[in-house]
PDB file of N, CA and C in Angstrom:
ATOM      1  N   MET A   1     122.191  80.632 101.970  1.00  0.00           N
ATOM      2  CA  MET A   1     120.911  80.748 101.187  1.00  0.00           C
ATOM      3  C   MET A   1     120.077  79.496 101.099  1.00  0.00           C
ATOM      4  N   ALA A   2     120.770  78.227 101.143  1.00  0.00           N
ATOM      5  CA  ALA A   2     120.059  77.000 101.206  1.00  0.00           C
ATOM      6  C   ALA A   2     119.153  77.069 102.457  1.00  0.00           C
ATOM      7  N   GLU A   3     119.763  77.702 103.540  1.00  0.00           N
ATOM      8  CA  GLU A   3     118.984  77.759 104.907  1.00  0.00           C
ATOM      9  C   GLU A   3     117.794  78.492 104.813  1.00  0.00           C
ATOM     10  N   GLN A   4     118.006  79.476 104.018  1.00  0.00           N
ATOM     11  CA  GLN A   4     116.618  80.592 103.854  1.00  0.00           C
ATOM     12  C   GLN A   4     115.538  79.807 102.964  1.00  0.00           C
ATOM     13  N   LEU A   5     116.120  79.150 102.042  1.00  0.00           N
ATOM     14  CA  LEU A   5     115.017  78.450 101.119  1.00  0.00           C
ATOM     15  C   LEU A   5     114.213  77.219 101.974  1.00  0.00           C
ATOM     16  N   ASP A   6     115.053  76.866 102.783  1.00  0.00           N
ATOM     17  CA  ASP A   6     114.366  75.778 103.635  1.00  0.00           C
ATOM     18  C   ASP A   6     113.018  76.170 104.434  1.00  0.00           C
ATOM     19  N   LEU A   7     113.155  77.639 104.506  1.00  0.00           N
ATOM     20  CA  LEU A   7     111.859  78.117 105.173  1.00  0.00           C
ATOM     21  C   LEU A   7     110.548  78.208 104.452  1.00  0.00           C
ATOM     22  N   PHE A   8     110.713  77.937 102.907  1.00  0.00           N
ATOM     23  CA  PHE A   8     109.774  78.048 102.134  1.00  0.00           C
ATOM     24  C   PHE A   8     109.507  76.773 101.214  1.00  0.00           C
ATOM     25  N   PRO A   9     108.733  75.673 101.514  1.00  0.00           N
ATOM     26  CA  PRO A   9     108.925  74.615 100.994  1.00  0.00           C
ATOM     27  C   PRO A   9     108.505  74.864  99.485  1.00  0.00           C
ATOM     28  N   GLN A  10     109.083  74.016  98.764  1.00  0.00           N
ATOM     29  CA  GLN A  10     109.000  74.182  97.192  1.00  0.00           C
ATOM     30  C   GLN A  10     107.492  74.131  96.651  1.00  0.00           C
ATOM     31  N   GLU A  11     106.515  73.466  97.391  1.00  0.00           N
ATOM     32  CA  GLU A  11     105.263  73.337  96.944  1.00  0.00           C
ATOM     33  C   GLU A  11     104.496  74.793  97.134  1.00  0.00           C
ATOM     34  N   GLU A  12     104.979  75.424  98.165  1.00  0.00           N
ATOM     35  CA  GLU A  12     104.468  76.791  98.480  1.00  0.00           C
ATOM     36  C   GLU A  12     105.041  77.750  97.261  1.00  0.00           C
ATOM     37  N   LEU A  13     106.112  77.587  96.977  1.00  0.00           N
ATOM     38  CA  LEU A  13     106.845  78.472  96.048  1.00  0.00           C
ATOM     39  C   LEU A  13     106.388  78.267  94.688  1.00  0.00           C
ATOM     40  N   GLN A  14     105.783  77.155  94.130  1.00  0.00           N
ATOM     41  CA  GLN A  14     105.241  76.800  92.786  1.00  0.00           C
ATOM     42  C   GLN A  14     104.059  76.899  92.693  1.00  0.00           C
ATOM     43  N   GLN A  15     103.665  77.659  91.586  1.00  0.00           N
ATOM     44  CA  GLN A  15     102.118  77.731  91.172  1.00  0.00           C
ATOM     45  C   GLN A  15     101.689  76.954  90.003  1.00  0.00           C
ATOM     46  N   GLU A  16     100.556  76.715  89.810  1.00  0.00           N
ATOM     47  CA  GLU A  16     100.097  76.091  88.613  1.00  0.00           C
ATOM     48  C   GLU A  16     100.003  77.248  87.515  1.00  0.00           C
ATOM     49  N   ALA A  17     100.349  76.811  86.376  1.00  0.00           N
ATOM     50  CA  ALA A  17     100.182  77.775  85.270  1.00  0.00           C
ATOM     51  C   ALA A  17      98.734  78.106  85.234  1.00  0.00           C
ATOM     52  N   GLY A  18      98.544  79.396  84.964  1.00  0.00           N
ATOM     53  CA  GLY A  18      97.178  80.048  84.715  1.00  0.00           C
ATOM     54  C   GLY A  18      96.596  80.311  86.152  1.00  0.00           C
ATOM     55  N   SER A  19      97.188  80.062  87.370  1.00  0.00           N
ATOM     56  CA  SER A  19      96.384  80.079  88.655  1.00  0.00           C
ATOM     57  C   SER A  19      97.111  81.479  89.338  1.00  0.00           C
ATOM     58  N   ILE A  20      98.039  82.357  88.672  1.00  0.00           N
ATOM     59  CA  ILE A  20      98.520  83.497  89.348  1.00  0.00           C
ATOM     60  C   ILE A  20      97.679  84.546  88.841  1.00  0.00           C
ATOM     61  N   GLU A  21      97.315  85.448  89.728  1.00  0.00           N
ATOM     62  CA  GLU A  21      96.351  86.601  89.413  1.00  0.00           C
ATOM     63  C   GLU A  21      97.201  87.653  89.626  1.00  0.00           C
ATOM     64  N   SER A  22      96.829  88.792  88.996  1.00  0.00           N
ATOM     65  CA  SER A  22      97.693  89.922  88.930  1.00  0.00           C
ATOM     66  C   SER A  22      96.686  91.127  89.439  1.00  0.00           C
ATOM     67  N   THR A  23      96.994  91.821  90.376  1.00  0.00           N
ATOM     68  CA  THR A  23      96.124  92.963  90.686  1.00  0.00           C
ATOM     69  C   THR A  23      96.861  94.210  90.907  1.00  0.00           C
ATOM     70  N   LYS A  24      96.197  95.514  90.588  1.00  0.00           N
ATOM     71  CA  LYS A  24      96.904  96.424  90.422  1.00  0.00           C
ATOM     72  C   LYS A  24      96.769  97.029  91.812  1.00  0.00           C
ATOM     73  N   PRO A  25      98.128  97.356  92.284  1.00  0.00           N
ATOM     74  CA  PRO A  25      98.367  97.930  93.805  1.00  0.00           C
ATOM     75  C   PRO A  25      97.693  99.144  94.168  1.00  0.00           C
ATOM     76  N   THR A  26      97.144  99.404  95.190  1.00  0.00           N
ATOM     77  CA  THR A  26      96.242 100.460  95.633  1.00  0.00           C
ATOM     78  C   THR A  26      97.338 101.263  96.638  1.00  0.00           C
ATOM     79  N   PRO A  27      97.836 102.530  95.918  1.00  0.00           N
ATOM     80  CA  PRO A  27      98.646 103.391  96.786  1.00  0.00           C
ATOM     81  C   PRO A  27      98.018 103.778  97.901  1.00  0.00           C
ATOM     82  N   ILE A  28      98.847 104.123  99.190  1.00  0.00           N
ATOM     83  CA  ILE A  28      98.479 104.576 100.279  1.00  0.00           C
ATOM     84  C   ILE A  28      98.954 105.893 100.267  1.00  0.00           C
ATOM     85  N   LEU A  29      98.135 107.112 100.291  1.00  0.00           N
ATOM     86  CA  LEU A  29      98.641 108.329 100.252  1.00  0.00           C
ATOM     87  C   LEU A  29      98.932 108.956 101.608  1.00  0.00           C
ATOM     88  N   ASP A  30      98.402 108.405 102.672  1.00  0.00           N
ATOM     89  CA  ASP A  30      98.676 108.785 103.913  1.00  0.00           C
ATOM     90  C   ASP A  30      99.128 107.491 104.712  1.00  0.00           C
ATOM     91  N   ALA A  31     100.346 107.058 104.727  1.00  0.00           N
ATOM     92  CA  ALA A  31     100.762 105.729 105.242  1.00  0.00           C
ATOM     93  C   ALA A  31     101.677 105.856 106.447  1.00  0.00           C
ATOM     94  N   GLU A  32     101.488 104.789 107.087  1.00  0.00           N
ATOM     95  CA  GLU A  32     102.348 104.515 108.273  1.00  0.00           C
ATOM     96  C   GLU A  32     102.998 103.175 108.219  1.00  0.00           C
ATOM     97  N   TRP A  33     104.117 103.008 108.805  1.00  0.00           N
ATOM     98  CA  TRP A  33     104.889 101.643 108.514  1.00  0.00           C
ATOM     99  C   TRP A  33     104.980 101.073 109.851  1.00  0.00           C
ATOM    100  N   CYS A  34     104.789  99.516 109.726  1.00  0.00           N
ATOM    101  CA  CYS A  34     104.760  98.950 111.194  1.00  0.00           C
ATOM    102  C   CYS A  34     105.652  97.466 111.045  1.00  0.00           C
ATOM    103  N   PHE A  35     105.929  97.109 112.134  1.00  0.00           N
ATOM    104  CA  PHE A  35     106.494  95.668 112.242  1.00  0.00           C
ATOM    105  C   PHE A  35     105.599  94.947 113.034  1.00  0.00           C
ATOM    106  N   GLN A  36     105.569  93.788 112.925  1.00  0.00           N
ATOM    107  CA  GLN A  36     104.453  92.843 113.778  1.00  0.00           C
ATOM    108  C   GLN A  36     105.222  91.562 114.031  1.00  0.00           C
ATOM    109  N   PHE A  37     105.085  90.894 115.306  1.00  0.00           N
ATOM    110  CA  PHE A  37     105.389  89.560 115.396  1.00  0.00           C
ATOM    111  C   PHE A  37     104.183  88.649 115.573  1.00  0.00           C
ATOM    112  N   PHE A  38     104.107  87.516 114.903  1.00  0.00           N
ATOM    113  CA  PHE A  38     102.968  86.667 114.717  1.00  0.00           C
ATOM    114  C   PHE A  38     101.832  87.432 114.434  1.00  0.00           C
ATOM    115  N   ASP A  39     100.632  87.285 115.379  1.00  0.00           N
ATOM    116  CA  ASP A  39      99.386  88.109 115.351  1.00  0.00           C
ATOM    117  C   ASP A  39      99.358  89.127 116.201  1.00  0.00           C
ATOM    118  N   ASN A  40     100.469  89.450 116.818  1.00  0.00           N
ATOM    119  CA  ASN A  40     100.349  90.525 117.968  1.00  0.00           C
ATOM    120  C   ASN A  40      99.946  91.863 117.195  1.00  0.00           C
ATOM    121  N   GLU A  41      99.730  92.759 118.152  1.00  0.00           N
ATOM    122  CA  GLU A  41      99.291  94.277 117.419  1.00  0.00           C
ATOM    123  C   GLU A  41     100.457  94.821 116.788  1.00  0.00           C
ATOM    124  N   PRO A  42     100.347  95.446 115.558  1.00  0.00           N
ATOM    125  CA  PRO A  42     101.184  95.994 114.798  1.00  0.00           C
ATOM    126  C   PRO A  42     101.585  97.219 115.645  1.00  0.00           C
ATOM    127  N   ILE A  43     103.124  97.487 115.582  1.00  0.00           N
ATOM    128  CA  ILE A  43     103.647  98.413 116.218  1.00  0.00           C
ATOM    129  C   ILE A  43     104.300  99.459 115.030  1.00  0.00           C
ATOM    130  N   ILE A  44     103.759 100.776 115.188  1.00  0.00           N
ATOM    131  CA  ILE A  44     103.984 101.656 114.167  1.00  0.00           C
ATOM    132  C   ILE A  44     105.418 102.313 114.535  1.00  0.00           C
ATOM    133  N   PHE A  45     106.325 102.477 113.569  1.00  0.00           N
ATOM    134  CA  PHE A  45     107.679 103.058 113.792  1.00  0.00           C
ATOM    135  C   PHE A  45     108.065 104.316 112.731  1.00  0.00           C
ATOM    136  N   ALA A  46     107.120 104.508 111.641  1.00  0.00           N
ATOM    137  CA  ALA A  46     107.204 105.643 110.914  1.00  0.00           C
ATOM    138  C   ALA A  46     105.996 105.970 110.135  1.00  0.00           C
ATOM    139  N   TRP A  47     105.787 107.166 109.586  1.00  0.00           N
ATOM    140  CA  TRP A  47     104.680 107.700 108.903  1.00  0.00           C
ATOM    141  C   TRP A  47     105.166 108.682 107.953  1.00  0.00           C
ATOM    142  N   THR A  48     104.164 108.975 107.056  1.00  0.00           N
ATOM    143  CA  THR A  48     104.414 110.112 105.917  1.00  0.00           C
ATOM    144  C   THR A  48     104.139 111.340 106.541  1.00  0.00           C
ATOM    145  N   LYS A  49     104.721 112.404 105.994  1.00  0.00           N
ATOM    146  CA  LYS A  49     104.448 113.879 106.464  1.00  0.00           C
ATOM    147  C   LYS A  49     102.736 113.913 106.166  1.00  0.00           C
ATOM    148  N   GLU A  50     102.170 114.795 107.272  1.00  0.00           N
ATOM    149  CA  GLU A  50     100.928 115.140 106.895  1.00  0.00           C
ATOM    150  C   GLU A  50     100.744 115.996 105.601  1.00  0.00           C
ATOM    151  N   GLY A  51      99.890 115.550 104.571  1.00  0.00           N
ATOM    152  CA  GLY A  51      99.681 116.276 103.565  1.00  0.00           C
ATOM    153  C   GLY A  51     100.652 115.899 102.483  1.00  0.00           C
ATOM    154  N   GLY A  52     101.490 115.299 102.758  1.00  0.00           N
ATOM    155  CA  GLY A  52     102.725 114.657 101.941  1.00  0.00           C
ATOM    156  C   GLY A  52     102.218 113.573 101.054  1.00  0.00           C
ATOM    157  N   GLU A  53     103.037 113.390  99.885  1.00  0.00           N
ATOM    158  CA  GLU A  53     102.562 112.124  99.075  1.00  0.00           C
ATOM    159  C   GLU A  53     103.154 110.785  99.574  1.00  0.00           C
ATOM    160  N   GLY A  54     102.615 109.830  98.975  1.00  0.00           N
ATOM    161  CA  GLY A  54     102.948 108.631  99.505  1.00  0.00           C
ATOM    162  C   GLY A  54     104.386 108.254  98.806  1.00  0.00           C
ATOM    163  N   ALA A  55     105.278 107.732  99.570  1.00  0.00           N
ATOM    164  CA  ALA A  55     106.650 107.438  99.179  1.00  0.00           C
ATOM    165  C   ALA A  55     107.008 106.185  99.699  1.00  0.00           C
ATOM    166  N   PRO A  56     108.174 105.510  98.968  1.00  0.00           N
ATOM    167  CA  PRO A  56     108.644 104.421  99.866  1.00  0.00           C
ATOM    168  C   PRO A  56     109.369 104.727 101.103  1.00  0.00           C
ATOM    169  N   MET A  57     109.303 103.989 101.949  1.00  0.00           N
ATOM    170  CA  MET A  57     110.241 103.968 103.282  1.00  0.00           C
ATOM    171  C   MET A  57     111.451 103.238 103.058  1.00  0.00           C
ATOM    172  N   VAL A  58     112.561 103.750 103.125  1.00  0.00           N
ATOM    173  CA  VAL A  58     114.033 103.083 102.983  1.00  0.00           C
ATOM    174  C   VAL A  58     114.652 102.936 104.171  1.00  0.00           C
ATOM    175  N   ILE A  59     115.385 101.822 104.495  1.00  0.00           N
ATOM    176  CA  ILE A  59     116.122 101.786 105.757  1.00  0.00           C
ATOM    177  C   ILE A  59     117.603 101.421 105.038  1.00  0.00           C
ATOM    178  N   ASN A  60     118.339 102.258 105.430  1.00  0.00           N
ATOM    179  CA  ASN A  60     119.787 101.965 105.072  1.00  0.00           C
ATOM    180  C   ASN A  60     120.658 101.775 106.146  1.00  0.00           C
ATOM    181  N   ILE A  61     121.436 100.577 106.080  1.00  0.00           N
ATOM    182  CA  ILE A  61     122.159 100.033 107.425  1.00  0.00           C
ATOM    183  C   ILE A  61     123.366  99.785 106.497  1.00  0.00           C
ATOM    184  N   ASP A  62     124.559 100.673 107.075  1.00  0.00           N
ATOM    185  CA  ASP A  62     125.910 100.658 106.262  1.00  0.00           C
ATOM    186  C   ASP A  62     126.574  99.255 107.175  1.00  0.00           C
ATOM    187  N   SER A  63     127.541  98.915 106.314  1.00  0.00           N
ATOM    188  CA  SER A  63     128.425  97.726 107.169  1.00  0.00           C
ATOM    189  C   SER A  63     129.379  98.194 107.747  1.00  0.00           C
ATOM    190  N   VAL A  64     128.909  98.803 109.023  1.00  0.00           N
ATOM    191  CA  VAL A  64     129.863  99.164 109.842  1.00  0.00           C
ATOM    192  C   VAL A  64     129.404  98.465 111.219  1.00  0.00           C
ATOM    193  N   GLU A  65     130.578  98.261 112.188  1.00  0.00           N
ATOM    194  CA  GLU A  65     130.204  97.774 113.466  1.00  0.00           C
ATOM    195  C   GLU A  65     129.276  98.525 114.170  1.00  0.00           C
ATOM    196  N   GLY A  66     128.383  98.044 114.880  1.00  0.00           N
ATOM    197  CA  GLY A  66     127.323  98.919 115.880  1.00  0.00           C
ATOM    198  C   GLY A  66     126.288  99.404 115.059  1.00  0.00           C
ATOM    199  N   GLU A  67     126.298  99.234 113.800  1.00  0.00           N
ATOM    200  CA  GLU A  67     124.870  99.611 112.909  1.00  0.00           C
ATOM    201  C   GLU A  67     123.868  98.675 112.998  1.00  0.00           C
ATOM    202  N   GLY A  68     122.704  98.985 112.707  1.00  0.00           N
ATOM    203  CA  GLY A  68     121.590  98.171 112.796  1.00  0.00           C
ATOM    204  C   GLY A  68     120.509  98.897 113.430  1.00  0.00           C
ATOM    205  N   ILE A  69     119.392  97.985 113.198  1.00  0.00           N
ATOM    206  CA  ILE A  69     117.757  98.386 113.481  1.00  0.00           C
ATOM    207  C   ILE A  69     117.379  97.328 114.451  1.00  0.00           C
ATOM    208  N   SER A  70     116.580  97.608 115.469  1.00  0.00           N
ATOM    209  CA  SER A  70     115.910  96.556 116.219  1.00  0.00           C
ATOM    210  C   SER A  70     114.424  97.035 116.483  1.00  0.00           C
ATOM    211  N   PHE A  71     113.720  96.089 116.455  1.00  0.00           N
ATOM    212  CA  PHE A  71     112.185  96.039 116.634  1.00  0.00           C
ATOM    213  C   PHE A  71     112.045  95.358 117.780  1.00  0.00           C
ATOM    214  N   ASN A  72     111.244  95.789 119.002  1.00  0.00           N
ATOM    215  CA  ASN A  72     111.002  94.982 120.107  1.00  0.00           C
ATOM    216  C   ASN A  72     109.446  94.989 120.249  1.00  0.00           C
ATOM    217  N   GLN A  73     108.968  93.927 120.804  1.00  0.00           N
ATOM    218  CA  GLN A  73     107.456  93.773 121.345  1.00  0.00           C
ATOM    219  C   GLN A  73     107.542  92.814 122.182  1.00  0.00           C
ATOM    220  N   ASN A  74     106.677  92.840 123.323  1.00  0.00           N
ATOM    221  CA  ASN A  74     106.307  91.655 124.293  1.00  0.00           C
ATOM    222  C   ASN A  74     107.845  90.857 124.507  1.00  0.00           C
ATOM    223  N   GLY A  75     108.872  91.606 124.892  1.00  0.00           N
ATOM    224  CA  GLY A  75     110.162  90.711 125.158  1.00  0.00           C
ATOM    225  C   GLY A  75     110.665  90.184 123.776  1.00  0.00           C
ATOM    226  N   MET A  76     110.283  90.167 122.739  1.00  0.00           N
ATOM    227  CA  MET A  76     110.726  89.543 121.454  1.00  0.00           C
ATOM    228  C   MET A  76     111.540  90.793 120.650  1.00  0.00           C
ATOM    229  N   VAL A  77     112.687  90.414 120.289  1.00  0.00           N
ATOM    230  CA  VAL A  77     113.455  91.306 119.377  1.00  0.00           C
ATOM    231  C   VAL A  77     113.776  90.836 118.211  1.00  0.00           C
ATOM    232  N   PHE A  78     113.603  91.643 117.224  1.00  0.00           N
ATOM    233  CA  PHE A  78     113.975  91.434 115.638  1.00  0.00           C
ATOM    234  C   PHE A  78     114.925  92.311 115.589  1.00  0.00           C
ATOM    235  N   ARG A  79     116.211  92.068 115.069  1.00  0.00           N
ATOM    236  CA  ARG A  79     117.424  92.797 114.623  1.00  0.00           C
ATOM    237  C   ARG A  79     117.713  92.565 113.247  1.00  0.00           C
ATOM    238  N   ILE A  80     118.133  93.722 112.564  1.00  0.00           N
ATOM    239  CA  ILE A  80     118.764  93.558 111.300  1.00  0.00           C
ATOM    240  C   ILE A  80     120.181  94.410 111.598  1.00  0.00           C
ATOM    241  N   PHE A  81     121.220  93.706 111.138  1.00  0.00           N
ATOM    242  CA  PHE A  81     122.628  94.280 111.369  1.00  0.00           C
ATOM    243  C   PHE A  81     123.601  93.643 110.445  1.00  0.00           C
ATOM    244  N   PRO A  82     124.826  94.249 110.295  1.00  0.00           N
ATOM    245  CA  PRO A  82     125.803  93.680 109.599  1.00  0.00           C
ATOM    246  C   PRO A  82     126.804  92.907 110.361  1.00  0.00           C
ATOM    247  N   LYS A  83     127.453  91.936 109.985  1.00  0.00           N
ATOM    248  CA  LYS A  83     128.730  91.487 110.702  1.00  0.00           C
ATOM    249  C   LYS A  83     129.595  91.015 109.909  1.00  0.00           C
ATOM    250  N   ALA A  84     130.908  90.693 110.207  1.00  0.00           N
ATOM    251  CA  ALA A  84     131.885  90.111 109.286  1.00  0.00           C
ATOM    252  C   ALA A  84     131.404  88.962 108.771  1.00  0.00           C
ATOM    253  N   ILE A  85     131.538  88.547 107.415  1.00  0.00           N
ATOM    254  CA  ILE A  85     131.276  87.654 106.723  1.00  0.00           C
ATOM    255  C   ILE A  85     131.933  86.134 107.267  1.00  0.00           C
ATOM    256  N   SER A  86     131.132  85.232 107.397  1.00  0.00           N
ATOM    257  CA  SER A  86     131.774  83.840 107.908  1.00  0.00           C
ATOM    258  C   SER A  86     132.179  83.115 106.781  1.00  0.00           C
ATOM    259  N   GLU A  87     133.091  82.249 107.003  1.00  0.00           N
ATOM    260  CA  GLU A  87     133.853  81.245 106.221  1.00  0.00           C
ATOM    261  C   GLU A  87     132.622  80.348 105.319  1.00  0.00           C
ATOM    262  N   ASN A  88     131.559  80.005 106.131  1.00  0.00           N
ATOM    263  CA  ASN A  88     130.450  79.327 105.562  1.00  0.00           C
ATOM    264  C   ASN A  88     129.960  80.245 104.373  1.00  0.00           C
ATOM    265  N   THR A  89     129.577  81.370 104.706  1.00  0.00           N
ATOM    266  CA  THR A  89     129.011  82.183 103.674  1.00  0.00           C
ATOM    267  C   THR A  89     129.847  82.599 102.463  1.00  0.00           C
ATOM    268  N   LYS A  90     131.098  82.711 102.841  1.00  0.00           N
ATOM    269  CA  LYS A  90     131.991  82.805 101.929  1.00  0.00           C
ATOM    270  C   LYS A  90     131.987  81.707 100.681  1.00  0.00           C
ATOM    271  N   LEU A  91     131.923  80.336 101.271  1.00  0.00           N
ATOM    272  CA  LEU A  91     131.692  79.322 100.309  1.00  0.00           C
ATOM    273  C   LEU A  91     130.116  79.211  99.631  1.00  0.00           C
ATOM    274  N   GLU A  92     129.255  79.754 100.207  1.00  0.00           N
ATOM    275  CA  GLU A  92     127.960  79.792  99.850  1.00  0.00           C
ATOM    276  C   GLU A  92     128.004  80.777  98.692  1.00  0.00           C
ATOM    277  N   ARG A  93     128.740  82.029  98.809  1.00  0.00           N
ATOM    278  CA  ARG A  93     128.768  83.013  97.878  1.00  0.00           C
ATOM    279  C   ARG A  93     129.371  82.620  96.569  1.00  0.00           C
ATOM    280  N   LYS A  94     130.660  81.933  96.850  1.00  0.00           N
ATOM    281  CA  LYS A  94     131.447  81.328  95.914  1.00  0.00           C
ATOM    282  C   LYS A  94     130.672  80.312  95.129  1.00  0.00           C
ATOM    283  N   LYS A  95     129.917  79.483  95.576  1.00  0.00           N
ATOM    284  CA  LYS A  95     129.035  78.408  95.063  1.00  0.00           C
ATOM    285  C   LYS A  95     128.026  79.020  93.969  1.00  0.00           C
ATOM    286  N   GLU A  96     127.317  80.038  94.643  1.00  0.00           N
ATOM    287  CA  GLU A  96     126.460  80.763  93.859  1.00  0.00           C
ATOM    288  C   GLU A  96     126.877  81.654  92.728  1.00  0.00           C
ATOM    289  N   ASN A  97     128.218  82.148  92.768  1.00  0.00           N
ATOM    290  CA  ASN A  97     128.701  82.814  91.806  1.00  0.00           C
ATOM    291  C   ASN A  97     129.339  81.832  90.764  1.00  0.00           C
ATOM    292  N   GLU A  98     129.615  80.929  91.078  1.00  0.00           N
ATOM    293  CA  GLU A  98     130.224  79.631  90.150  1.00  0.00           C
ATOM    294  C   GLU A  98     129.185  79.206  89.395  1.00  0.00           C
ATOM    295  N   SER A  99     127.805  79.162  90.040  1.00  0.00           N
ATOM    296  CA  SER A  99     126.663  78.544  89.135  1.00  0.00           C
ATOM    297  C   SER A  99     126.144  79.520  88.196  1.00  0.00           C
ATOM    298  N   LYS A 100     126.431  80.752  88.408  1.00  0.00           N
ATOM    299  CA  LYS A 100     126.100  81.900  87.356  1.00  0.00           C
ATOM    300  C   LYS A 100     126.770  82.035  86.124  1.00  0.00           C
ATOM    301  N   ASP A 101     128.120  81.457  86.225  1.00  0.00           N
ATOM    302  CA  ASP A 101     129.041  81.475  85.244  1.00  0.00           C
ATOM    303  C   ASP A 101     128.764  80.441  84.087  1.00  0.00           C
TER     304      ASP A 101
END
């Protein structure tokens, strides 16, 4: 978890009071879902049925060996997959749970 937070400096996460704007989201009735690396061309991997209502796209990956999803573009691969939990993650999870108590 700490490693993940290092990706986002605190100054980027914090907003001054009163500077947050709320806008109403605009639904996309005929949508396609994409992945993108950097500013490369988006790659479409799913879309709504023609004439169908807009709906959320859900990816379900079970915690089973060999499960996962990969996105490839120009030799780059982005993977989401389960693996056996490491001892370091067990410690992080324990610390996080203890801090909630």
